[in-house]
Amino acid sequence: MKVAIVKYNAGNIYSVVHAMKRLGIEPVLTDDPELLKKADGVLFPGQGNAREAMECLKAHRLDQVIADLKQPVLGICVGMQLLCKHSEEGNTDCIGIFNTCVKRFQPKHHEDKVPAMGWNELDLKADPSEDGAQPSSLLKGIGTHPYVYFVHSFYVPECQWTIASTNYIQPYSAAMHKDNFYACQFHPEKSGQDGEQILKNFLDITKG
């Protein structure tokens, strides 16, 4: 099985490379459109600034390549946000798979720290892309209310593609699914056994 990881100017990419290797997969880290198109599955991770990330993707014409992918794609953290239509971070137009906008956290109380950093509980939702099955195939085998690791200052509001939510300052999308595109705001590669299970699930989806 060929798994590709999108190479661009975002942090945290190598932790995903190492996570794949722990699962017995030797991924290719690439910005080559042809290698991305030929992969069985594509991981789109990242930490960093949305505007700078989109500028890099556009400079390499990877924004359209990612939008046109037909195999399973998993966006992680900033990768999830870049799959949305627009981000308030730098007033940035993004790739637009999910027709929703990324918002900046607005603290409501003194104890509300931004960026949100640490472990938080997932509330699994029905997956409309899988005939209402619960949980989504991406999230199977992790229990009803698992804890996963987040680091982010921007969030995606709950929407029709939300397959898991969490609550920090307000409820928001922790994971989404539309067609062949999956996404999670948290870091599965840093989320212990449950995160590893999610990555295994993505590989199973990729295998078909």
C-alpha atoms as a PDB file:
ATOM      1  CA  MET A   1       0.000   0.000   0.000  1.00  0.00           C
ATOM      2  CA  LYS A   2       1.349   3.414  -0.999  1.00  0.00           C
ATOM      3  CA  VAL A   3       0.731   6.207   1.502  1.00  0.00           C
ATOM      4  CA  ALA A   4       1.822   9.763   0.693  1.00  0.00           C
ATOM      5  CA  ILE A   5       2.208  12.685   3.091  1.00  0.00           C
ATOM      6  CA  VAL A   6       1.884  16.188   1.658  1.00  0.00           C
ATOM      7  CA  LYS A   7       5.170  18.072   1.981  1.00  0.00           C
ATOM      8  CA  TYR A   8       4.818  21.836   2.506  1.00  0.00           C
ATOM      9  CA  ASN A   9       5.897  24.525   4.963  1.00  0.00           C
ATOM     10  CA  ALA A  10       3.975  23.248   7.984  1.00  0.00           C
ATOM     11  CA  GLY A  11       5.222  21.835  11.259  1.00  0.00           C
ATOM     12  CA  ASN A  12       4.512  18.435  12.807  1.00  0.00           C
ATOM     13  CA  ILE A  13       4.810  16.546   9.525  1.00  0.00           C
ATOM     14  CA  TYR A  14       7.619  14.283  10.685  1.00  0.00           C
ATOM     15  CA  SER A  15       5.696  13.084  13.744  1.00  0.00           C
ATOM     16  CA  VAL A  16       3.102  11.730  11.290  1.00  0.00           C
ATOM     17  CA  VAL A  17       5.865  10.090   9.238  1.00  0.00           C
ATOM     18  CA  HIS A  18       7.113   8.339  12.385  1.00  0.00           C
ATOM     19  CA  ALA A  19       3.560   7.310  13.353  1.00  0.00           C
ATOM     20  CA  MET A  20       3.115   5.624   9.973  1.00  0.00           C
ATOM     21  CA  LYS A  21       6.430   3.808  10.391  1.00  0.00           C
ATOM     22  CA  ARG A  22       5.286   2.501  13.792  1.00  0.00           C
ATOM     23  CA  LEU A  23       2.305   0.999  11.978  1.00  0.00           C
ATOM     24  CA  GLY A  24       4.556  -0.728   9.450  1.00  0.00           C
ATOM     25  CA  ILE A  25       4.035   1.785   6.631  1.00  0.00           C
ATOM     26  CA  GLU A  26       6.915   3.546   4.867  1.00  0.00           C
ATOM     27  CA  PRO A  27       5.191   6.707   3.638  1.00  0.00           C
ATOM     28  CA  VAL A  28       6.535   8.963   0.934  1.00  0.00           C
ATOM     29  CA  LEU A  29       6.834  12.613   1.988  1.00  0.00           C
ATOM     30  CA  THR A  30       6.351  14.569  -1.215  1.00  0.00           C
ATOM     31  CA  ASP A  31       5.192  17.708  -2.980  1.00  0.00           C
ATOM     32  CA  ASP A  32       5.187  15.903  -6.330  1.00  0.00           C
ATOM     33  CA  PRO A  33       1.622  16.043  -7.731  1.00  0.00           C
ATOM     34  CA  GLU A  34       2.033  12.760  -9.616  1.00  0.00           C
ATOM     35  CA  LEU A  35       3.160  10.867  -6.508  1.00  0.00           C
ATOM     36  CA  LEU A  36       0.223  12.288  -4.558  1.00  0.00           C
ATOM     37  CA  LYS A  37      -2.211  11.283  -7.287  1.00  0.00           C
ATOM     38  CA  LYS A  38      -0.827   7.740  -7.481  1.00  0.00           C
ATOM     39  CA  ALA A  39      -0.871   7.076  -3.734  1.00  0.00           C
ATOM     40  CA  ASP A  40      -3.513   4.768  -2.263  1.00  0.00           C
ATOM     41  CA  GLY A  41      -4.063   7.210   0.596  1.00  0.00           C
ATOM     42  CA  VAL A  42      -2.874  10.729   1.384  1.00  0.00           C
ATOM     43  CA  LEU A  43      -2.160  12.314   4.762  1.00  0.00           C
ATOM     44  CA  PHE A  44      -2.337  16.115   4.972  1.00  0.00           C
ATOM     45  CA  PRO A  45      -0.989  17.106   8.411  1.00  0.00           C
ATOM     46  CA  GLY A  46       0.339  20.401   9.687  1.00  0.00           C
ATOM     47  CA  GLN A  47       0.847  22.974  12.393  1.00  0.00           C
ATOM     48  CA  GLY A  48       1.412  26.639  11.663  1.00  0.00           C
ATOM     49  CA  ASN A  49      -0.125  29.683  10.024  1.00  0.00           C
ATOM     50  CA  ALA A  50      -2.996  29.110   7.592  1.00  0.00           C
ATOM     51  CA  ARG A  51      -2.118  32.003   5.261  1.00  0.00           C
ATOM     52  CA  GLU A  52       1.540  30.984   4.965  1.00  0.00           C
ATOM     53  CA  ALA A  53       0.551  27.354   4.444  1.00  0.00           C
ATOM     54  CA  MET A  54      -1.917  28.221   1.673  1.00  0.00           C
ATOM     55  CA  GLU A  55       0.640  30.462  -0.029  1.00  0.00           C
ATOM     56  CA  CYS A  56       3.071  27.536  -0.099  1.00  0.00           C
ATOM     57  CA  LEU A  57       0.438  25.120  -1.410  1.00  0.00           C
ATOM     58  CA  LYS A  58      -0.596  27.542  -4.148  1.00  0.00           C
ATOM     59  CA  ALA A  59       3.014  28.218  -5.137  1.00  0.00           C
ATOM     60  CA  HIS A  60       3.418  24.492  -5.801  1.00  0.00           C
ATOM     61  CA  ARG A  61      -0.133  24.185  -7.209  1.00  0.00           C
ATOM     62  CA  LEU A  62      -0.862  21.624  -4.524  1.00  0.00           C
ATOM     63  CA  ASP A  63      -4.140  23.256  -3.479  1.00  0.00           C
ATOM     64  CA  GLN A  64      -5.854  22.077  -6.651  1.00  0.00           C
ATOM     65  CA  VAL A  65      -4.060  18.728  -6.599  1.00  0.00           C
ATOM     66  CA  ILE A  66      -5.415  18.048  -3.104  1.00  0.00           C
ATOM     67  CA  ALA A  67      -8.927  19.183  -4.067  1.00  0.00           C
ATOM     68  CA  ASP A  68      -8.940  16.767  -7.024  1.00  0.00           C
ATOM     69  CA  LEU A  69      -7.736  13.673  -5.130  1.00  0.00           C
ATOM     70  CA  LYS A  70     -10.100  10.703  -5.374  1.00  0.00           C
ATOM     71  CA  GLN A  71      -8.462   8.345  -2.867  1.00  0.00           C
ATOM     72  CA  PRO A  72      -8.920   8.637   0.926  1.00  0.00           C
ATOM     73  CA  VAL A  73      -7.376  11.826   2.337  1.00  0.00           C
ATOM     74  CA  LEU A  74      -6.886  12.612   6.033  1.00  0.00           C
ATOM     75  CA  GLY A  75      -6.316  16.235   7.063  1.00  0.00           C
ATOM     76  CA  ILE A  76      -4.788  16.728  10.518  1.00  0.00           C
ATOM     77  CA  CYS A  77      -4.872  19.943  12.608  1.00  0.00           C
ATOM     78  CA  VAL A  78      -4.055  22.808  10.191  1.00  0.00           C
ATOM     79  CA  GLY A  79      -4.575  20.267   7.407  1.00  0.00           C
ATOM     80  CA  MET A  80      -8.211  19.972   8.498  1.00  0.00           C
ATOM     81  CA  GLN A  81      -8.596  23.755   8.597  1.00  0.00           C
ATOM     82  CA  LEU A  82      -7.081  24.164   5.131  1.00  0.00           C
ATOM     83  CA  LEU A  83      -9.667  21.735   3.756  1.00  0.00           C
ATOM     84  CA  CYS A  84     -12.346  24.276   4.732  1.00  0.00           C
ATOM     85  CA  LYS A  85     -13.560  27.202   2.624  1.00  0.00           C
ATOM     86  CA  HIS A  86     -12.014  30.100   4.556  1.00  0.00           C
ATOM     87  CA  SER A  87      -9.995  30.800   7.692  1.00  0.00           C
ATOM     88  CA  GLU A  88     -10.080  33.874   9.893  1.00  0.00           C
ATOM     89  CA  GLU A  89      -6.345  33.356  10.340  1.00  0.00           C
ATOM     90  CA  GLY A  90      -4.947  35.924   7.937  1.00  0.00           C
ATOM     91  CA  ASN A  91      -8.358  36.204   6.227  1.00  0.00           C
ATOM     92  CA  THR A  92      -7.349  33.228   4.099  1.00  0.00           C
ATOM     93  CA  ASP A  93      -9.264  31.462   1.332  1.00  0.00           C
ATOM     94  CA  CYS A  94      -8.577  27.743   1.665  1.00  0.00           C
ATOM     95  CA  ILE A  95      -9.108  24.597  -0.425  1.00  0.00           C
ATOM     96  CA  GLY A  96     -12.880  24.429   0.061  1.00  0.00           C
ATOM     97  CA  ILE A  97     -13.719  20.736   0.432  1.00  0.00           C
ATOM     98  CA  PHE A  98     -15.828  21.540   3.494  1.00  0.00           C
ATOM     99  CA  ASN A  99     -18.020  24.568   2.812  1.00  0.00           C
ATOM    100  CA  THR A 100     -17.515  26.097   6.237  1.00  0.00           C
ATOM    101  CA  CYS A 101     -15.240  28.707   7.805  1.00  0.00           C
ATOM    102  CA  VAL A 102     -12.507  28.405  10.416  1.00  0.00           C
ATOM    103  CA  LYS A 103     -12.983  30.735  13.407  1.00  0.00           C
ATOM    104  CA  ARG A 104     -10.593  32.194  15.986  1.00  0.00           C
ATOM    105  CA  PHE A 105     -11.203  31.178  19.590  1.00  0.00           C
ATOM    106  CA  GLN A 106     -12.660  34.070  21.615  1.00  0.00           C
ATOM    107  CA  PRO A 107     -12.030  33.460  25.346  1.00  0.00           C
ATOM    108  CA  LYS A 108     -15.094  34.017  27.520  1.00  0.00           C
ATOM    109  CA  HIS A 109     -13.507  33.567  30.944  1.00  0.00           C
ATOM    110  CA  HIS A 110     -10.135  34.242  32.542  1.00  0.00           C
ATOM    111  CA  GLU A 111      -9.302  30.518  32.550  1.00  0.00           C
ATOM    112  CA  ASP A 112      -9.908  30.183  28.786  1.00  0.00           C
ATOM    113  CA  LYS A 113      -6.381  29.912  27.417  1.00  0.00           C
ATOM    114  CA  VAL A 114      -5.559  30.194  23.715  1.00  0.00           C
ATOM    115  CA  PRO A 115      -4.104  28.211  22.099  1.00  0.00           C
ATOM    116  CA  ALA A 116      -6.194  25.327  23.351  1.00  0.00           C
ATOM    117  CA  MET A 117      -3.613  22.767  24.379  1.00  0.00           C
ATOM    118  CA  GLY A 118      -4.053  19.368  25.964  1.00  0.00           C
ATOM    119  CA  TRP A 119      -6.352  16.365  26.144  1.00  0.00           C
ATOM    120  CA  ASN A 120     -10.057  16.713  25.524  1.00  0.00           C
ATOM    121  CA  GLU A 121     -12.982  14.348  25.209  1.00  0.00           C
ATOM    122  CA  LEU A 122     -14.623  13.443  21.901  1.00  0.00           C
ATOM    123  CA  ASP A 123     -18.373  13.186  21.448  1.00  0.00           C
ATOM    124  CA  LEU A 124     -18.907  10.846  18.496  1.00  0.00           C
ATOM    125  CA  LYS A 125     -21.673  11.688  16.006  1.00  0.00           C
ATOM    126  CA  ALA A 126     -23.551   9.825  13.304  1.00  0.00           C
ATOM    127  CA  ASP A 127     -21.703   9.936   9.980  1.00  0.00           C
ATOM    128  CA  PRO A 128     -24.081  11.088   7.208  1.00  0.00           C
ATOM    129  CA  SER A 129     -21.535   9.948   4.599  1.00  0.00           C
ATOM    130  CA  GLU A 130     -21.919   6.384   5.884  1.00  0.00           C
ATOM    131  CA  ASP A 131     -25.712   6.133   5.945  1.00  0.00           C
ATOM    132  CA  GLY A 132     -25.895   7.474   9.462  1.00  0.00           C
ATOM    133  CA  ALA A 133     -23.607   4.808  10.947  1.00  0.00           C
ATOM    134  CA  GLN A 134     -22.169   5.612  14.350  1.00  0.00           C
ATOM    135  CA  PRO A 135     -19.334   5.914  14.850  1.00  0.00           C
ATOM    136  CA  SER A 136     -17.677   6.789  11.556  1.00  0.00           C
ATOM    137  CA  SER A 137     -15.386   4.119  10.172  1.00  0.00           C
ATOM    138  CA  LEU A 138     -12.529   6.540  10.918  1.00  0.00           C
ATOM    139  CA  LEU A 139     -13.424   6.469  14.621  1.00  0.00           C
ATOM    140  CA  LYS A 140     -14.423   2.866  15.218  1.00  0.00           C
ATOM    141  CA  GLY A 141     -12.911   0.962  18.104  1.00  0.00           C
ATOM    142  CA  ILE A 142     -12.013   3.965  20.270  1.00  0.00           C
ATOM    143  CA  GLY A 143     -14.922   3.931  22.715  1.00  0.00           C
ATOM    144  CA  THR A 144     -17.808   6.333  23.089  1.00  0.00           C
ATOM    145  CA  HIS A 145     -15.982   9.232  24.754  1.00  0.00           C
ATOM    146  CA  PRO A 146     -12.235   8.899  24.104  1.00  0.00           C
ATOM    147  CA  TYR A 147      -9.666  11.561  24.988  1.00  0.00           C
ATOM    148  CA  VAL A 148      -7.304  12.921  22.315  1.00  0.00           C
ATOM    149  CA  TYR A 149      -4.651  15.635  22.138  1.00  0.00           C
ATOM    150  CA  PHE A 150      -5.258  19.137  20.741  1.00  0.00           C
ATOM    151  CA  VAL A 151      -3.044  22.173  20.067  1.00  0.00           C
ATOM    152  CA  HIS A 152      -4.755  25.022  18.156  1.00  0.00           C
ATOM    153  CA  SER A 153      -5.943  28.634  18.265  1.00  0.00           C
ATOM    154  CA  PHE A 154      -8.615  28.330  15.550  1.00  0.00           C
ATOM    155  CA  TYR A 155     -11.547  25.935  15.259  1.00  0.00           C
ATOM    156  CA  VAL A 156     -14.190  24.691  12.835  1.00  0.00           C
ATOM    157  CA  PRO A 157     -17.778  25.148  14.081  1.00  0.00           C
ATOM    158  CA  GLU A 158     -20.027  22.101  14.190  1.00  0.00           C
ATOM    159  CA  CYS A 159     -21.546  21.517  10.764  1.00  0.00           C
ATOM    160  CA  GLN A 160     -23.238  18.886   8.612  1.00  0.00           C
ATOM    161  CA  TRP A 161     -19.935  17.037   8.114  1.00  0.00           C
ATOM    162  CA  THR A 162     -19.034  16.806  11.806  1.00  0.00           C
ATOM    163  CA  ILE A 163     -18.444  13.187  12.904  1.00  0.00           C
ATOM    164  CA  ALA A 164     -17.024  14.077  16.338  1.00  0.00           C
ATOM    165  CA  SER A 165     -17.146  17.222  18.430  1.00  0.00           C
ATOM    166  CA  THR A 166     -15.426  18.454  21.541  1.00  0.00           C
ATOM    167  CA  ASN A 167     -15.987  21.382  23.861  1.00  0.00           C
ATOM    168  CA  TYR A 168     -13.486  24.095  24.754  1.00  0.00           C
ATOM    169  CA  ILE A 169     -14.928  27.596  25.145  1.00  0.00           C
ATOM    170  CA  GLN A 170     -17.750  26.290  22.931  1.00  0.00           C
ATOM    171  CA  PRO A 171     -18.548  23.033  21.089  1.00  0.00           C
ATOM    172  CA  TYR A 172     -16.749  22.644  17.750  1.00  0.00           C
ATOM    173  CA  SER A 173     -15.817  20.051  15.145  1.00  0.00           C
ATOM    174  CA  ALA A 174     -13.106  17.660  16.273  1.00  0.00           C
ATOM    175  CA  ALA A 175     -13.441  15.447  13.184  1.00  0.00           C
ATOM    176  CA  MET A 176     -15.247  15.689   9.843  1.00  0.00           C
ATOM    177  CA  HIS A 177     -15.977  13.500   6.828  1.00  0.00           C
ATOM    178  CA  LYS A 178     -17.194  14.286   3.329  1.00  0.00           C
ATOM    179  CA  ASP A 179     -16.845  11.830   0.438  1.00  0.00           C
ATOM    180  CA  ASN A 180     -13.190  10.660   0.348  1.00  0.00           C
ATOM    181  CA  PHE A 181     -12.013  13.456   2.665  1.00  0.00           C
ATOM    182  CA  TYR A 182     -11.580  12.855   6.387  1.00  0.00           C
ATOM    183  CA  ALA A 183     -10.210  15.381   8.855  1.00  0.00           C
ATOM    184  CA  CYS A 184      -9.405  15.745  12.537  1.00  0.00           C
ATOM    185  CA  GLN A 185      -8.492  18.852  14.500  1.00  0.00           C
ATOM    186  CA  PHE A 186      -6.639  16.811  17.123  1.00  0.00           C
ATOM    187  CA  HIS A 187      -3.342  14.993  16.623  1.00  0.00           C
ATOM    188  CA  PRO A 188      -3.930  11.237  16.318  1.00  0.00           C
ATOM    189  CA  GLU A 189      -0.173  10.665  16.172  1.00  0.00           C
ATOM    190  CA  LYS A 190       0.087  12.175  19.695  1.00  0.00           C
ATOM    191  CA  SER A 191      -3.102  10.675  21.149  1.00  0.00           C
ATOM    192  CA  GLY A 192      -1.930   7.321  22.490  1.00  0.00           C
ATOM    193  CA  GLN A 193      -3.754   4.099  21.683  1.00  0.00           C
ATOM    194  CA  ASP A 194      -6.946   5.809  20.522  1.00  0.00           C
ATOM    195  CA  GLY A 195      -4.993   7.999  18.103  1.00  0.00           C
ATOM    196  CA  GLU A 196      -3.103   4.989  16.809  1.00  0.00           C
ATOM    197  CA  GLN A 197      -6.424   3.195  16.266  1.00  0.00           C
ATOM    198  CA  ILE A 198      -7.700   6.151  14.229  1.00  0.00           C
ATOM    199  CA  LEU A 199      -4.623   5.993  11.990  1.00  0.00           C
ATOM    200  CA  LYS A 200      -5.118   2.227  11.621  1.00  0.00           C
ATOM    201  CA  ASN A 201      -8.738   2.882  10.684  1.00  0.00           C
ATOM    202  CA  PHE A 202      -7.624   5.317   8.004  1.00  0.00           C
ATOM    203  CA  LEU A 203      -5.250   2.712   6.601  1.00  0.00           C
ATOM    204  CA  ASP A 204      -8.127   0.196   6.567  1.00  0.00           C
ATOM    205  CA  ILE A 205     -10.272   2.724   4.685  1.00  0.00           C
ATOM    206  CA  THR A 206      -7.414   3.187   2.243  1.00  0.00           C
ATOM    207  CA  LYS A 207      -7.210  -0.569   1.665  1.00  0.00           C
ATOM    208  CA  GLY A 208     -10.920  -0.587   0.887  1.00  0.00           C
END
